[in-house]
Amino acid sequence: MEYVSLGWTGLKVSRIGLGVWQFSEAWGMTDYGVAREVVGKALEVGINFFDTAMVYGLGMSEDYLGRALKEAGAKRDEVVISTKIPGEFLNPHDIFRSVSKSLKHLRVDYVDILLAHCPPAGTTTRHVSTPELWRSS
């Protein structure tokens, strides 16, 4: 696998990343065993860059990714995790609550990259309110 520097961040990421938006009922992939196999194969071929968002499956995507990375024995400092906050929830209070929830789902102490989901997620998935996102497990 070829690795490149991610801008000025100092992060080295695989040229190919794995986006796990499909780990959600919205896209029909709710079998955790399959998700675990996909993430495991990605690690096996050298992929270290993973992208998700808190709205994908109301946290299911983050949960499956976090579980799969942990079960595969991935070392936290050897993977790069990017997640996103809905573009309509960018006030400071929402950001802190959203990140806290994402960290819990991902089973990590930090995310490497935090993005605003734009266009707002409600344009491509079922729109949910902020409290509904925070209640999801």
C-alpha atoms as a PDB file:
ATOM      1  CA  MET A   1       0.000   0.000   0.000  1.00  0.00           C
ATOM      2  CA  GLU A   2       1.225   3.492  -0.790  1.00  0.00           C
ATOM      3  CA  TYR A   3       0.984   6.130   1.946  1.00  0.00           C
ATOM      4  CA  VAL A   4       0.873   9.892   1.586  1.00  0.00           C
ATOM      5  CA  SER A   5       1.036  12.872   3.912  1.00  0.00           C
ATOM      6  CA  LEU A   6      -2.352  14.381   4.654  1.00  0.00           C
ATOM      7  CA  GLY A   7      -1.733  18.062   4.023  1.00  0.00           C
ATOM      8  CA  TRP A   8       0.106  19.765   6.845  1.00  0.00           C
ATOM      9  CA  THR A   9      -1.329  17.464   9.554  1.00  0.00           C
ATOM     10  CA  GLY A  10       1.672  15.169   9.795  1.00  0.00           C
ATOM     11  CA  LEU A  11      -0.665  12.192   9.357  1.00  0.00           C
ATOM     12  CA  LYS A  12       0.381   9.428   6.964  1.00  0.00           C
ATOM     13  CA  VAL A  13      -2.662   7.879   5.309  1.00  0.00           C
ATOM     14  CA  SER A  14      -3.079   5.071   2.855  1.00  0.00           C
ATOM     15  CA  ARG A  15      -3.705   6.373  -0.636  1.00  0.00           C
ATOM     16  CA  ILE A  16      -6.891   4.296  -0.551  1.00  0.00           C
ATOM     17  CA  GLY A  17      -9.243   4.875   2.383  1.00  0.00           C
ATOM     18  CA  LEU A  18     -12.352   3.031   3.461  1.00  0.00           C
ATOM     19  CA  GLY A  19     -15.569   4.980   3.839  1.00  0.00           C
ATOM     20  CA  VAL A  20     -18.048   3.059   5.956  1.00  0.00           C
ATOM     21  CA  TRP A  21     -21.265   4.965   5.200  1.00  0.00           C
ATOM     22  CA  GLN A  22     -22.767   1.692   4.022  1.00  0.00           C
ATOM     23  CA  PHE A  23     -22.733   0.263   7.571  1.00  0.00           C
ATOM     24  CA  SER A  24     -26.285   1.433   8.239  1.00  0.00           C
ATOM     25  CA  GLU A  25     -29.884   0.465   7.693  1.00  0.00           C
ATOM     26  CA  ALA A  26     -30.215   3.346   5.219  1.00  0.00           C
ATOM     27  CA  TRP A  27     -27.902   1.462   2.854  1.00  0.00           C
ATOM     28  CA  GLY A  28     -28.943  -2.064   3.801  1.00  0.00           C
ATOM     29  CA  MET A  29     -25.711  -3.305   5.386  1.00  0.00           C
ATOM     30  CA  THR A  30     -26.598  -4.127   8.981  1.00  0.00           C
ATOM     31  CA  ASP A  31     -24.734  -7.433   9.388  1.00  0.00           C
ATOM     32  CA  TYR A  32     -21.888  -6.724  11.803  1.00  0.00           C
ATOM     33  CA  GLY A  33     -20.059  -9.886  10.715  1.00  0.00           C
ATOM     34  CA  VAL A  34     -19.782  -8.564   7.176  1.00  0.00           C
ATOM     35  CA  ALA A  35     -18.665  -5.151   8.438  1.00  0.00           C
ATOM     36  CA  ARG A  36     -15.977  -6.818  10.558  1.00  0.00           C
ATOM     37  CA  GLU A  37     -14.741  -8.764   7.520  1.00  0.00           C
ATOM     38  CA  VAL A  38     -14.617  -5.613   5.371  1.00  0.00           C
ATOM     39  CA  VAL A  39     -12.627  -3.676   7.975  1.00  0.00           C
ATOM     40  CA  GLY A  40     -10.364  -6.659   8.623  1.00  0.00           C
ATOM     41  CA  LYS A  41      -9.596  -7.039   4.917  1.00  0.00           C
ATOM     42  CA  ALA A  42      -8.914  -3.308   4.632  1.00  0.00           C
ATOM     43  CA  LEU A  43      -6.369  -3.552   7.458  1.00  0.00           C
ATOM     44  CA  GLU A  44      -4.868  -6.665   5.897  1.00  0.00           C
ATOM     45  CA  VAL A  45      -4.146  -4.879   2.606  1.00  0.00           C
ATOM     46  CA  GLY A  46      -2.669  -1.878   4.414  1.00  0.00           C
ATOM     47  CA  ILE A  47      -5.559   0.593   4.534  1.00  0.00           C
ATOM     48  CA  ASN A  48      -5.171   2.788   7.605  1.00  0.00           C
ATOM     49  CA  PHE A  49      -7.604   5.609   6.749  1.00  0.00           C
ATOM     50  CA  PHE A  50     -11.252   5.170   7.726  1.00  0.00           C
ATOM     51  CA  ASP A  51     -14.083   7.651   7.204  1.00  0.00           C
ATOM     52  CA  THR A  52     -17.517   7.677   8.824  1.00  0.00           C
ATOM     53  CA  ALA A  53     -20.104  10.112  10.197  1.00  0.00           C
ATOM     54  CA  MET A  54     -22.314  10.160  13.258  1.00  0.00           C
ATOM     55  CA  VAL A  55     -25.460  10.254  11.140  1.00  0.00           C
ATOM     56  CA  TYR A  56     -24.712   7.083   9.178  1.00  0.00           C
ATOM     57  CA  GLY A  57     -27.160   4.646  10.718  1.00  0.00           C
ATOM     58  CA  LEU A  58     -27.636   6.989  13.694  1.00  0.00           C
ATOM     59  CA  GLY A  59     -24.235   5.880  14.973  1.00  0.00           C
ATOM     60  CA  MET A  60     -24.248   2.316  13.602  1.00  0.00           C
ATOM     61  CA  SER A  61     -21.440   3.058  11.150  1.00  0.00           C
ATOM     62  CA  GLU A  62     -19.208   4.482  13.895  1.00  0.00           C
ATOM     63  CA  ASP A  63     -20.123   1.626  16.233  1.00  0.00           C
ATOM     64  CA  TYR A  64     -19.356  -1.086  13.684  1.00  0.00           C
ATOM     65  CA  LEU A  65     -16.078   0.569  12.683  1.00  0.00           C
ATOM     66  CA  GLY A  66     -14.950   0.978  16.290  1.00  0.00           C
ATOM     67  CA  ARG A  67     -15.864  -2.602  17.196  1.00  0.00           C
ATOM     68  CA  ALA A  68     -14.200  -4.030  14.102  1.00  0.00           C
ATOM     69  CA  LEU A  69     -10.971  -2.077  14.599  1.00  0.00           C
ATOM     70  CA  LYS A  70     -10.811  -3.144  18.243  1.00  0.00           C
ATOM     71  CA  GLU A  71     -11.530  -6.809  17.474  1.00  0.00           C
ATOM     72  CA  ALA A  72      -8.917  -6.786  14.695  1.00  0.00           C
ATOM     73  CA  GLY A  73      -6.332  -5.560  17.194  1.00  0.00           C
ATOM     74  CA  ALA A  74      -5.682  -2.340  15.275  1.00  0.00           C
ATOM     75  CA  LYS A  75      -3.369  -0.057  17.233  1.00  0.00           C
ATOM     76  CA  ARG A  76      -4.953   3.349  17.688  1.00  0.00           C
ATOM     77  CA  ASP A  77      -1.830   5.225  16.618  1.00  0.00           C
ATOM     78  CA  GLU A  78      -1.657   3.195  13.395  1.00  0.00           C
ATOM     79  CA  VAL A  79      -5.108   4.067  12.048  1.00  0.00           C
ATOM     80  CA  VAL A  80      -6.528   7.426  11.032  1.00  0.00           C
ATOM     81  CA  ILE A  81     -10.208   7.952  11.797  1.00  0.00           C
ATOM     82  CA  SER A  82     -12.261  10.701  10.223  1.00  0.00           C
ATOM     83  CA  THR A  83     -15.831  11.389  11.271  1.00  0.00           C
ATOM     84  CA  LYS A  84     -18.348  14.109  10.572  1.00  0.00           C
ATOM     85  CA  ILE A  85     -20.862  16.239  12.437  1.00  0.00           C
ATOM     86  CA  PRO A  86     -24.071  17.213  10.647  1.00  0.00           C
ATOM     87  CA  GLY A  87     -23.610  20.619   9.039  1.00  0.00           C
ATOM     88  CA  GLU A  88     -26.696  21.938  10.777  1.00  0.00           C
ATOM     89  CA  PHE A  89     -25.311  21.160  14.284  1.00  0.00           C
ATOM     90  CA  LEU A  90     -22.232  23.356  14.496  1.00  0.00           C
ATOM     91  CA  ASN A  91     -22.857  25.477  17.569  1.00  0.00           C
ATOM     92  CA  PRO A  92     -20.266  24.812  20.305  1.00  0.00           C
ATOM     93  CA  HIS A  93     -22.703  22.925  22.553  1.00  0.00           C
ATOM     94  CA  ASP A  94     -23.714  20.557  19.737  1.00  0.00           C
ATOM     95  CA  ILE A  95     -20.110  19.979  18.678  1.00  0.00           C
ATOM     96  CA  PHE A  96     -18.987  18.843  22.128  1.00  0.00           C
ATOM     97  CA  ARG A  97     -22.002  16.579  22.610  1.00  0.00           C
ATOM     98  CA  SER A  98     -21.637  15.140  19.107  1.00  0.00           C
ATOM     99  CA  VAL A  99     -17.933  14.413  19.478  1.00  0.00           C
ATOM    100  CA  SER A 100     -18.517  12.795  22.860  1.00  0.00           C
ATOM    101  CA  LYS A 101     -21.109  10.478  21.309  1.00  0.00           C
ATOM    102  CA  SER A 102     -18.837   9.658  18.355  1.00  0.00           C
ATOM    103  CA  LEU A 103     -15.945   8.778  20.672  1.00  0.00           C
ATOM    104  CA  LYS A 104     -18.208   6.414  22.584  1.00  0.00           C
ATOM    105  CA  HIS A 105     -19.407   4.722  19.379  1.00  0.00           C
ATOM    106  CA  LEU A 106     -15.888   4.463  17.968  1.00  0.00           C
ATOM    107  CA  ARG A 107     -14.415   3.228  21.286  1.00  0.00           C
ATOM    108  CA  VAL A 108     -11.531   5.687  21.060  1.00  0.00           C
ATOM    109  CA  ASP A 109     -10.215   8.670  23.026  1.00  0.00           C
ATOM    110  CA  TYR A 110      -9.866  10.931  19.988  1.00  0.00           C
ATOM    111  CA  VAL A 111     -10.625  11.228  16.302  1.00  0.00           C
ATOM    112  CA  ASP A 112      -7.921  12.344  13.928  1.00  0.00           C
ATOM    113  CA  ILE A 113     -10.160  14.362  11.622  1.00  0.00           C
ATOM    114  CA  LEU A 114     -13.483  16.033  12.409  1.00  0.00           C
ATOM    115  CA  LEU A 115     -15.449  17.448   9.498  1.00  0.00           C
ATOM    116  CA  ALA A 116     -18.750  19.228   9.011  1.00  0.00           C
ATOM    117  CA  HIS A 117     -21.002  17.041   6.870  1.00  0.00           C
ATOM    118  CA  CYS A 118     -21.922  19.193   3.911  1.00  0.00           C
ATOM    119  CA  PRO A 119     -24.421  19.265   2.424  1.00  0.00           C
ATOM    120  CA  PRO A 120     -26.275  18.720   5.673  1.00  0.00           C
ATOM    121  CA  ALA A 121     -26.939  15.012   6.117  1.00  0.00           C
ATOM    122  CA  GLY A 122     -30.696  15.526   5.986  1.00  0.00           C
ATOM    123  CA  THR A 123     -30.462  16.037   2.231  1.00  0.00           C
ATOM    124  CA  THR A 124     -29.170  12.504   1.626  1.00  0.00           C
ATOM    125  CA  THR A 125     -30.484  10.498   4.573  1.00  0.00           C
ATOM    126  CA  ARG A 126     -33.500  10.583   6.843  1.00  0.00           C
ATOM    127  CA  HIS A 127     -33.371  13.898   8.713  1.00  0.00           C
ATOM    128  CA  VAL A 128     -33.047  13.484  12.447  1.00  0.00           C
ATOM    129  CA  SER A 129     -33.102  15.981  15.259  1.00  0.00           C
ATOM    130  CA  THR A 130     -30.069  16.636  17.454  1.00  0.00           C
ATOM    131  CA  PRO A 131     -31.571  14.877  20.498  1.00  0.00           C
ATOM    132  CA  GLU A 132     -32.313  11.778  18.407  1.00  0.00           C
ATOM    133  CA  LEU A 133     -28.678  11.592  17.308  1.00  0.00           C
ATOM    134  CA  TRP A 134     -27.465  11.859  20.882  1.00  0.00           C
ATOM    135  CA  ARG A 135     -29.839   9.144  22.111  1.00  0.00           C
ATOM    136  CA  SER A 136     -28.670   6.613  19.558  1.00  0.00           C
ATOM    137  CA  SER A 137     -26.367   3.973  20.933  1.00  0.00           C
END
